[in-house]
Amino acid sequence: MTSTTAVKTTRDPTVALLNLLSLGPSFREVAAALLREQLRARYPNVDIDPDIAMIGTPQRDIVGEQIVTQAVEYQTLAGILARQAVQAIPALYIEGEHFLTQQPITEPPVHLPVRVDEIANIINYLAPVMLRGYQALQLDFWNQPKGNTGPNWRGLSNALRDVWNVDTVPGWSHADCVMARKLYHATDLSDRSVDDRHDTHAYVLDIDQVNEDGTTTHVNDILLAVLIGKQNGSEVVLTYSLLHGYERYTSREQFGQAVPALLDASIPRKKVQWRLFEPEGNFFDWQACELISMQIEAIGTLDFSDLRGTQAPMPTRPRGRDHGPGA
């Protein structure tokens, strides 16, 4: 078995995949989108942009024996919601004390005709569902069209396909690269089998954890592409994932022995069972959809508990289970 992290091409396919998986709305952009929808419903006649609409909070200090008003502190609505979703500290705004204005800030600031206690209620309502909103908007991103090339997920499918367009891979033979390019040129088994001297079949690895009570739990640690074919009458197994790069095995048995080492070592598992699944149709379209599903699931499992009580940074988009799900 061999493992590499580089391919002699002008474009590193792993970098291209990671870049694609980093695209989509930011956490703050999700906050702005959710707020915009709620604010339009509550105040249809007031143009409130959560990116520039700001809550003003007068600051006060004790000077001598008197309470003196200092400069006003401003925070955008989108920033407030994004931070509250992480820190879980409810907003509390008081009429006559706090106010809503919009950039550019004037002096005196223009107060928008809203009730600030209702603004606080909207923020408090949205904060617990931010991750669901993040999931929905990330999925919307993948379905958005990109010029004449189709939806964004099609670009992910093409990037997954480019992984197999190789001329040289350390540890792979010329015949191995020919096998890989066969999958690149014929993504559907029905097309590939017409003239395929290597009799190649493309699979994804499906893994279950076997629990102590005998039940199984599906494992989403990695999405591994597995290409099996024959060279000179002998079986050859070629694989690729983001975490492990390109690998080669001389048989399914050797591959099976390596499966446990492919999983997340930080999660203890006593026993796993695996199978190879061969999708119908375009192999890389299926892989792209599965990869997106894993990303959406990972967003939903974000846990901010360790960040609460701190000045928490804004979350970043999960690339997946193994630094982006293996593809």
Protein backbone atom coordinates (compact mmCIF):
# COMPACT_ATOMS: atom_id res chain seq x y z
CA MET A 1 0.00 0.00 0.00
CA THR A 2 1.24 3.50 -0.82
CA SER A 3 0.00 6.92 0.15
CA THR A 4 0.76 10.31 -1.37
CA THR A 5 -0.38 13.89 -1.07
CA ALA A 6 0.69 15.26 -4.44
CA VAL A 7 -0.05 14.58 -8.10
CA LYS A 8 2.02 15.88 -10.96
CA THR A 9 -0.63 18.06 -12.52
CA THR A 10 -0.86 21.82 -12.96
CA ARG A 11 -3.70 21.99 -10.45
CA ASP A 12 -3.81 20.17 -7.12
CA PRO A 13 -7.25 18.48 -7.02
CA THR A 14 -7.24 18.29 -3.22
CA VAL A 15 -6.74 22.05 -2.92
CA ALA A 16 -9.50 22.62 -5.48
CA LEU A 17 -11.90 20.45 -3.48
CA LEU A 18 -11.07 22.15 -0.19
CA ASN A 19 -11.60 25.56 -1.79
CA LEU A 20 -15.02 24.51 -3.08
CA LEU A 21 -16.04 23.16 0.31
CA SER A 22 -15.14 26.54 1.84
CA LEU A 23 -17.68 28.37 -0.32
CA GLY A 24 -21.14 29.42 0.77
CA PRO A 25 -22.64 31.89 3.23
CA SER A 26 -20.71 32.98 6.30
CA PHE A 27 -22.25 32.70 9.77
CA ARG A 28 -22.83 36.45 9.81
CA GLU A 29 -24.43 36.34 6.37
CA VAL A 30 -26.81 33.67 7.64
CA ALA A 31 -27.70 35.92 10.58
CA ALA A 32 -28.37 38.83 8.21
CA ALA A 33 -30.58 36.71 5.94
CA LEU A 34 -32.69 35.37 8.80
CA LEU A 35 -33.07 38.82 10.33
CA ARG A 36 -33.98 40.39 7.01
CA GLU A 37 -36.86 37.95 6.57
CA GLN A 38 -38.24 38.52 10.07
CA LEU A 39 -37.83 42.30 9.96
CA ARG A 40 -39.61 42.61 6.63
CA ALA A 41 -42.52 40.62 8.02
CA ARG A 42 -42.72 42.74 11.21
CA TYR A 43 -41.88 46.15 9.70
CA PRO A 44 -42.81 45.98 5.98
CA ASN A 45 -42.72 49.77 5.60
CA VAL A 46 -39.32 50.27 7.23
CA ASP A 47 -36.19 49.54 5.19
CA ILE A 48 -33.97 47.75 7.72
CA ASP A 49 -30.71 46.25 6.49
CA PRO A 50 -29.30 43.98 9.26
CA ASP A 51 -25.78 44.50 7.91
CA ILE A 52 -25.86 48.25 8.58
CA ALA A 53 -28.74 48.64 11.04
CA MET A 54 -27.24 49.17 14.49
CA ILE A 55 -28.44 49.01 18.05
CA GLY A 56 -27.27 52.08 19.95
CA THR A 57 -26.48 51.74 23.63
CA PRO A 58 -25.55 54.93 25.53
CA GLN A 59 -22.56 54.37 27.82
CA ARG A 60 -22.50 55.99 31.24
CA ASP A 61 -19.84 56.53 33.85
CA ILE A 62 -19.63 58.05 37.31
CA VAL A 63 -17.63 61.27 37.40
CA GLY A 64 -17.32 62.66 40.87
CA GLU A 65 -20.82 62.45 42.32
CA GLN A 66 -22.63 62.46 38.99
CA ILE A 67 -23.57 59.90 36.33
CA VAL A 68 -22.29 61.20 33.02
CA THR A 69 -23.35 59.95 29.56
CA GLN A 70 -20.39 58.89 27.45
CA ALA A 71 -20.20 57.92 23.76
CA VAL A 72 -22.86 55.63 22.31
CA GLU A 73 -21.80 52.03 21.56
CA TYR A 74 -23.10 50.63 18.26
CA GLN A 75 -23.45 47.00 17.14
CA THR A 76 -24.97 45.74 13.91
CA LEU A 77 -28.02 43.49 14.15
CA ALA A 78 -26.31 40.75 12.10
CA GLY A 79 -23.28 40.81 14.39
CA ILE A 80 -25.44 40.71 17.51
CA LEU A 81 -27.38 37.66 16.30
CA ALA A 82 -24.25 35.82 15.15
CA ARG A 83 -22.59 36.33 18.54
CA GLN A 84 -25.72 35.45 20.49
CA ALA A 85 -26.07 32.17 18.57
CA VAL A 86 -22.60 31.27 19.84
CA GLN A 87 -22.65 32.73 23.34
CA ALA A 88 -26.35 32.10 24.18
CA ILE A 89 -26.75 35.41 26.05
CA PRO A 90 -30.28 36.79 25.41
CA ALA A 91 -30.69 40.33 24.13
CA LEU A 92 -32.50 42.83 26.37
CA TYR A 93 -33.29 46.28 24.99
CA ILE A 94 -35.23 48.96 26.87
CA GLU A 95 -37.43 51.56 25.23
CA GLY A 96 -35.99 55.02 25.78
CA GLU A 97 -32.57 53.59 26.56
CA HIS A 98 -31.59 51.60 23.48
CA PHE A 99 -32.47 52.59 19.92
CA LEU A 100 -32.11 51.31 16.36
CA THR A 101 -30.37 53.44 13.75
CA GLN A 102 -28.72 52.78 10.41
CA GLN A 103 -25.33 53.62 8.94
CA PRO A 104 -24.04 56.14 8.17
CA ILE A 105 -24.34 57.32 11.76
CA THR A 106 -25.38 60.96 12.11
CA GLU A 107 -25.19 63.25 15.10
CA PRO A 108 -27.70 63.15 16.62
CA PRO A 109 -28.44 59.62 15.35
CA VAL A 110 -31.70 58.99 13.50
CA HIS A 111 -33.89 56.55 15.44
CA LEU A 112 -35.75 54.12 13.20
CA PRO A 113 -39.50 53.79 13.94
CA VAL A 114 -39.37 50.38 15.64
CA ARG A 115 -39.79 49.01 19.14
CA VAL A 116 -36.38 47.92 20.37
CA ASP A 117 -37.92 45.36 22.71
CA GLU A 118 -39.44 43.68 19.64
CA ILE A 119 -36.03 43.75 17.95
CA ALA A 120 -34.62 41.93 21.00
CA ASN A 121 -37.46 39.38 20.78
CA ILE A 122 -36.66 38.71 17.12
CA ILE A 123 -32.97 38.18 17.91
CA ASN A 124 -33.81 35.89 20.83
CA TYR A 125 -36.20 33.92 18.62
CA LEU A 126 -33.66 33.41 15.84
CA ALA A 127 -30.52 32.63 17.86
CA PRO A 128 -31.50 29.03 18.78
CA VAL A 129 -32.32 28.17 15.14
CA MET A 130 -29.24 29.71 13.55
CA LEU A 131 -27.69 26.34 12.74
CA ARG A 132 -30.84 25.21 10.95
CA GLY A 133 -30.80 28.43 9.00
CA TYR A 134 -27.12 27.87 8.23
CA GLN A 135 -27.92 24.40 6.90
CA ALA A 136 -30.75 25.70 4.72
CA LEU A 137 -28.73 28.54 3.22
CA GLN A 138 -25.71 26.31 2.60
CA LEU A 139 -27.94 23.90 0.71
CA ASP A 140 -29.43 26.83 -1.23
CA PHE A 141 -25.88 27.84 -2.18
CA TRP A 142 -25.13 24.43 -3.70
CA ASN A 143 -28.35 24.61 -5.73
CA GLN A 144 -27.73 28.12 -7.04
CA PRO A 145 -26.84 28.33 -10.75
CA LYS A 146 -23.35 29.44 -11.71
CA GLY A 147 -23.41 31.00 -15.16
CA ASN A 148 -23.96 28.46 -17.89
CA THR A 149 -22.28 25.62 -15.98
CA GLY A 150 -25.33 24.63 -13.95
CA PRO A 151 -25.75 24.68 -10.15
CA ASN A 152 -22.76 25.02 -7.83
CA TRP A 153 -22.94 21.37 -6.87
CA ARG A 154 -22.09 20.51 -10.47
CA GLY A 155 -18.74 22.25 -10.00
CA LEU A 156 -18.11 20.04 -6.97
CA SER A 157 -18.92 16.97 -9.07
CA ASN A 158 -16.44 18.10 -11.73
CA ALA A 159 -13.74 18.69 -9.09
CA LEU A 160 -14.27 15.18 -7.72
CA ARG A 161 -13.96 13.86 -11.25
CA ASP A 162 -10.73 15.80 -11.86
CA VAL A 163 -9.11 13.81 -9.04
CA TRP A 164 -8.92 10.82 -11.38
CA ASN A 165 -7.44 12.65 -14.37
CA VAL A 166 -3.85 11.74 -13.53
CA ASP A 167 -0.76 10.87 -15.55
CA THR A 168 1.54 10.09 -12.64
CA VAL A 169 0.94 9.38 -8.97
CA PRO A 170 3.82 8.28 -6.74
CA GLY A 171 3.37 4.58 -6.03
CA TRP A 172 1.01 4.06 -8.96
CA SER A 173 1.99 2.37 -12.20
CA HIS A 174 1.18 3.56 -15.69
CA ALA A 175 -1.61 0.97 -15.82
CA ASP A 176 -3.04 2.34 -12.57
CA CYS A 177 -3.23 5.83 -14.08
CA VAL A 178 -4.88 4.41 -17.21
CA MET A 179 -7.49 2.80 -14.94
CA ALA A 180 -8.05 6.10 -13.14
CA ARG A 181 -8.47 8.07 -16.36
CA LYS A 182 -11.01 5.52 -17.55
CA LEU A 183 -13.23 6.56 -14.66
CA TYR A 184 -12.55 10.22 -15.44
CA HIS A 185 -13.61 9.86 -19.07
CA ALA A 186 -16.56 7.51 -18.44
CA THR A 187 -18.30 8.44 -15.20
CA ASP A 188 -21.22 6.06 -15.72
CA LEU A 189 -20.67 2.29 -15.50
CA SER A 190 -22.88 1.69 -18.53
CA ASP A 191 -20.60 3.88 -20.65
CA ARG A 192 -17.37 2.64 -19.11
CA SER A 193 -18.13 -1.04 -19.62
CA VAL A 194 -18.42 -0.73 -23.41
CA ASP A 195 -14.65 -0.84 -23.94
CA ASP A 196 -12.95 -1.36 -20.60
CA ARG A 197 -10.10 -3.81 -20.67
CA HIS A 198 -9.60 -3.32 -16.93
CA ASP A 199 -13.25 -4.07 -16.07
CA THR A 200 -13.33 -1.15 -13.65
CA HIS A 201 -16.04 -0.59 -11.06
CA ALA A 202 -16.33 2.58 -8.95
CA TYR A 203 -17.60 2.29 -5.39
CA VAL A 204 -17.97 4.32 -2.24
CA LEU A 205 -17.07 2.85 1.12
CA ASP A 206 -20.05 2.39 3.45
CA ILE A 207 -19.19 1.78 7.12
CA ASP A 208 -21.25 0.88 10.19
CA GLN A 209 -20.11 0.78 13.79
CA VAL A 210 -21.27 -2.37 15.58
CA ASN A 211 -22.50 -1.45 19.06
CA GLU A 212 -22.27 -3.67 22.13
CA ASP A 213 -25.96 -4.56 21.91
CA GLY A 214 -25.54 -5.74 18.34
CA THR A 215 -27.15 -2.71 16.72
CA THR A 216 -25.27 -0.68 14.13
CA THR A 217 -24.63 3.05 13.73
CA HIS A 218 -23.69 4.50 10.37
CA VAL A 219 -20.25 6.13 10.30
CA ASN A 220 -19.80 9.37 8.39
CA ASP A 221 -16.10 9.90 9.14
CA ILE A 222 -14.98 9.60 5.55
CA LEU A 223 -16.30 9.41 2.00
CA LEU A 224 -13.81 7.26 0.11
CA ALA A 225 -13.85 6.67 -3.63
CA VAL A 226 -12.78 3.12 -4.48
CA LEU A 227 -11.89 1.99 -8.01
CA ILE A 228 -11.43 -1.74 -8.54
CA GLY A 229 -10.19 -3.27 -11.76
CA LYS A 230 -8.00 -5.99 -13.19
CA GLN A 231 -4.49 -5.81 -14.56
CA ASN A 232 -2.95 -8.93 -16.12
CA GLY A 233 -5.61 -11.05 -14.43
CA SER A 234 -4.92 -9.64 -10.94
CA GLU A 235 -7.18 -7.37 -8.92
CA VAL A 236 -6.08 -3.81 -8.21
CA VAL A 237 -7.78 -1.39 -5.78
CA LEU A 238 -7.22 2.36 -6.14
CA THR A 239 -8.69 4.84 -3.67
CA TYR A 240 -8.80 8.57 -2.98
CA SER A 241 -9.93 10.71 -0.05
CA LEU A 242 -9.12 14.23 1.08
CA LEU A 243 -7.48 13.02 4.27
CA HIS A 244 -5.48 10.07 2.93
CA GLY A 245 -4.91 11.14 -0.65
CA TYR A 246 -4.21 8.42 -3.23
CA GLU A 247 -3.78 4.82 -2.10
CA ARG A 248 -3.21 1.50 -3.85
CA TYR A 249 -4.01 -2.05 -2.67
CA THR A 250 -3.31 -5.35 -4.34
CA SER A 251 -6.65 -6.93 -3.38
CA ARG A 252 -9.95 -6.31 -1.63
CA GLU A 253 -8.65 -8.29 1.30
CA GLN A 254 -5.69 -5.95 1.75
CA PHE A 255 -8.02 -2.97 1.42
CA GLY A 256 -10.38 -4.43 4.03
CA GLN A 257 -7.54 -4.81 6.52
CA ALA A 258 -6.76 -1.09 6.10
CA VAL A 259 -10.33 0.17 6.56
CA PRO A 260 -10.18 0.68 10.37
CA ALA A 261 -7.10 2.87 9.99
CA LEU A 262 -9.03 5.16 7.63
CA LEU A 263 -11.49 6.20 10.34
CA ASP A 264 -11.24 9.02 12.87
CA ALA A 265 -8.83 7.70 15.49
CA SER A 266 -10.17 10.08 18.15
CA ILE A 267 -13.46 8.14 18.27
CA PRO A 268 -13.04 4.70 19.91
CA ARG A 269 -14.68 1.87 18.00
CA LYS A 270 -14.38 -1.78 18.97
CA LYS A 271 -15.87 -3.19 15.80
CA VAL A 272 -16.92 -1.91 12.39
CA GLN A 273 -18.41 -3.57 9.36
CA TRP A 274 -18.02 -2.24 5.85
CA ARG A 275 -19.33 -2.77 2.35
CA LEU A 276 -18.74 -1.31 -1.09
CA PHE A 277 -21.67 0.48 -2.74
CA GLU A 278 -21.72 1.06 -6.50
CA PRO A 279 -23.95 4.04 -7.38
CA GLU A 280 -25.94 4.12 -10.59
CA GLY A 281 -25.51 6.92 -13.11
CA ASN A 282 -22.78 9.54 -12.88
CA PHE A 283 -20.50 8.40 -10.07
CA PHE A 284 -19.27 11.92 -9.27
CA ASP A 285 -22.74 13.47 -9.21
CA TRP A 286 -23.61 10.91 -6.55
CA GLN A 287 -20.39 11.63 -4.65
CA ALA A 288 -21.02 15.37 -4.75
CA CYS A 289 -24.52 14.95 -3.33
CA GLU A 290 -23.23 12.66 -0.59
CA LEU A 291 -20.42 15.07 0.26
CA ILE A 292 -22.88 17.95 0.51
CA SER A 293 -25.15 15.87 2.75
CA MET A 294 -22.21 15.22 5.06
CA GLN A 295 -21.34 18.91 5.13
CA ILE A 296 -24.93 19.92 5.96
CA GLU A 297 -25.03 17.32 8.73
CA ALA A 298 -21.71 18.59 10.12
CA ILE A 299 -23.09 22.15 10.28
CA GLY A 300 -25.99 20.90 12.35
CA THR A 301 -23.66 19.30 14.89
CA LEU A 302 -21.59 22.44 15.58
CA ASP A 303 -21.20 22.79 19.35
CA PHE A 304 -20.47 26.20 20.84
CA SER A 305 -20.59 25.18 24.50
CA ASP A 306 -16.82 25.57 24.96
CA LEU A 307 -16.98 29.11 23.57
CA ARG A 308 -19.70 30.40 25.85
CA GLY A 309 -18.65 32.89 28.44
CA THR A 310 -15.79 34.06 26.17
CA GLN A 311 -15.31 36.56 23.37
CA ALA A 312 -16.00 33.83 20.85
CA PRO A 313 -14.88 34.06 17.22
CA MET A 314 -17.49 33.50 14.52
CA PRO A 315 -17.84 29.86 13.43
CA THR A 316 -16.47 28.76 10.08
CA ARG A 317 -18.12 26.38 7.67
CA PRO A 318 -17.32 22.72 8.37
CA ARG A 319 -15.65 21.09 5.41
CA GLY A 320 -16.74 17.76 6.78
CA ARG A 321 -15.70 14.95 9.02
CA ASP A 322 -12.07 14.49 8.05
CA HIS A 323 -11.05 18.10 7.38
CA GLY A 324 -13.78 18.05 4.80
CA PRO A 325 -15.36 14.67 4.28
CA GLY A 326 -13.02 12.42 2.35
CA ALA A 327 -14.05 12.35 -1.24
